[in-house]
Amino acid sequence: MRAGGMNVVCFAVVMDTPVTRVSSDRKRFEAWRQPEPGELYRMSQQAFERAKALVQHEGLDVITQGSALRSADVAAPRAIIASEGADFIEGRLDRVDEAFHQHQLRQLQLTHYRVNEVGDIQTETPVHGGLTDFGADVIRRCNTLGIVIDVAHGTYDLVKRAASVTTKPLVLSHTALATHPGTRSRLITPDHARVVASSGGVIGIWPNAGTFRDLQDMANGFKRLADIVGVDHVGLGTDMLGFISPPVFQSYEQLPTLGNALLKAGFSQSETEQMLGGNYRRVFETSVSG
């Protein structure tokens, strides 16, 4: 982070790993069994503790207030505690409060690689028709507490209802634009992107090697999305260590190289700074109290 000038990262815990696996064709992750009652909650507690230990080991400060991003010092790397999937909630709204107060959770991704009580995912057959009523309650609770809502992995129908429920901007943390995504694709359509942007939110471009050949191609992906929703609604979603195959962005040390690629793609210096942090900061400050 210091070498690349990356001063803040979202540190995402994942708790569905006991019940998901890489598909036989090695093209996606899939759920292969139902969790036991309480299993993913217990997994989340272990994951939050590992995140806490890693934060301490690396000497990171944890950001818990909206105003803290603006004063972030590049010499002091910081982290925002996030959860990739709300599976640990298991239908209990009080666990959102618990994660906020006990584990400093400030960004909650509603779904990951299994259809859960909150809603449907892009990579499996829909069950709920999008966001559930309980999922709507989760969003309202996050809005009240001050937790950023991340709709990555959620279906278009989930995102549309999420946008109608939330009073704060949405984040779709890691994806890319595709005019006609294939079945079970993690890519999104222009209309999908516009719904997130309509909330005032940000869509993070990911470095998937199956989507982009290299960092310059990735920068061109930023441009294609910006042409659809505007520069104010585009960001960087590294999804670090979240890929089956090595991505084109593998280290925070590559951030200056990506910045140069964005300039080469036709963005100004100020637009590049917006997409590499400024836009997310706006959403975070709007969503998180303090």
Foldseek 3Di string as FASTA:
>chain_A
DLLLLQQEEEDAFEQCVVQWDQDPVNPDIAGDDDDDVQRSLVSVVVRLVVVVVVCVVVQAAEDQALVVVVVGDSVHHHYYYEYQAPQNCQLPLVVVVVCCPVRVHAEYEHHHRDAGPQFDFQQDDGDQQAGDPSVLVNQVVLQVAQHAYEDQRGDLSNLLVSLVRHQAQHEPQEEFEDCDDDRSDSHDHLVSLQSNVVRVEAYAYEQACVQAVALLRSLVRQVVNCVRRNLLHYAHRHCAPPGSDDGRDHDSSCNVVSLVSNVVSPDDNVSSVNRHPVSVSVRSSRRGHD
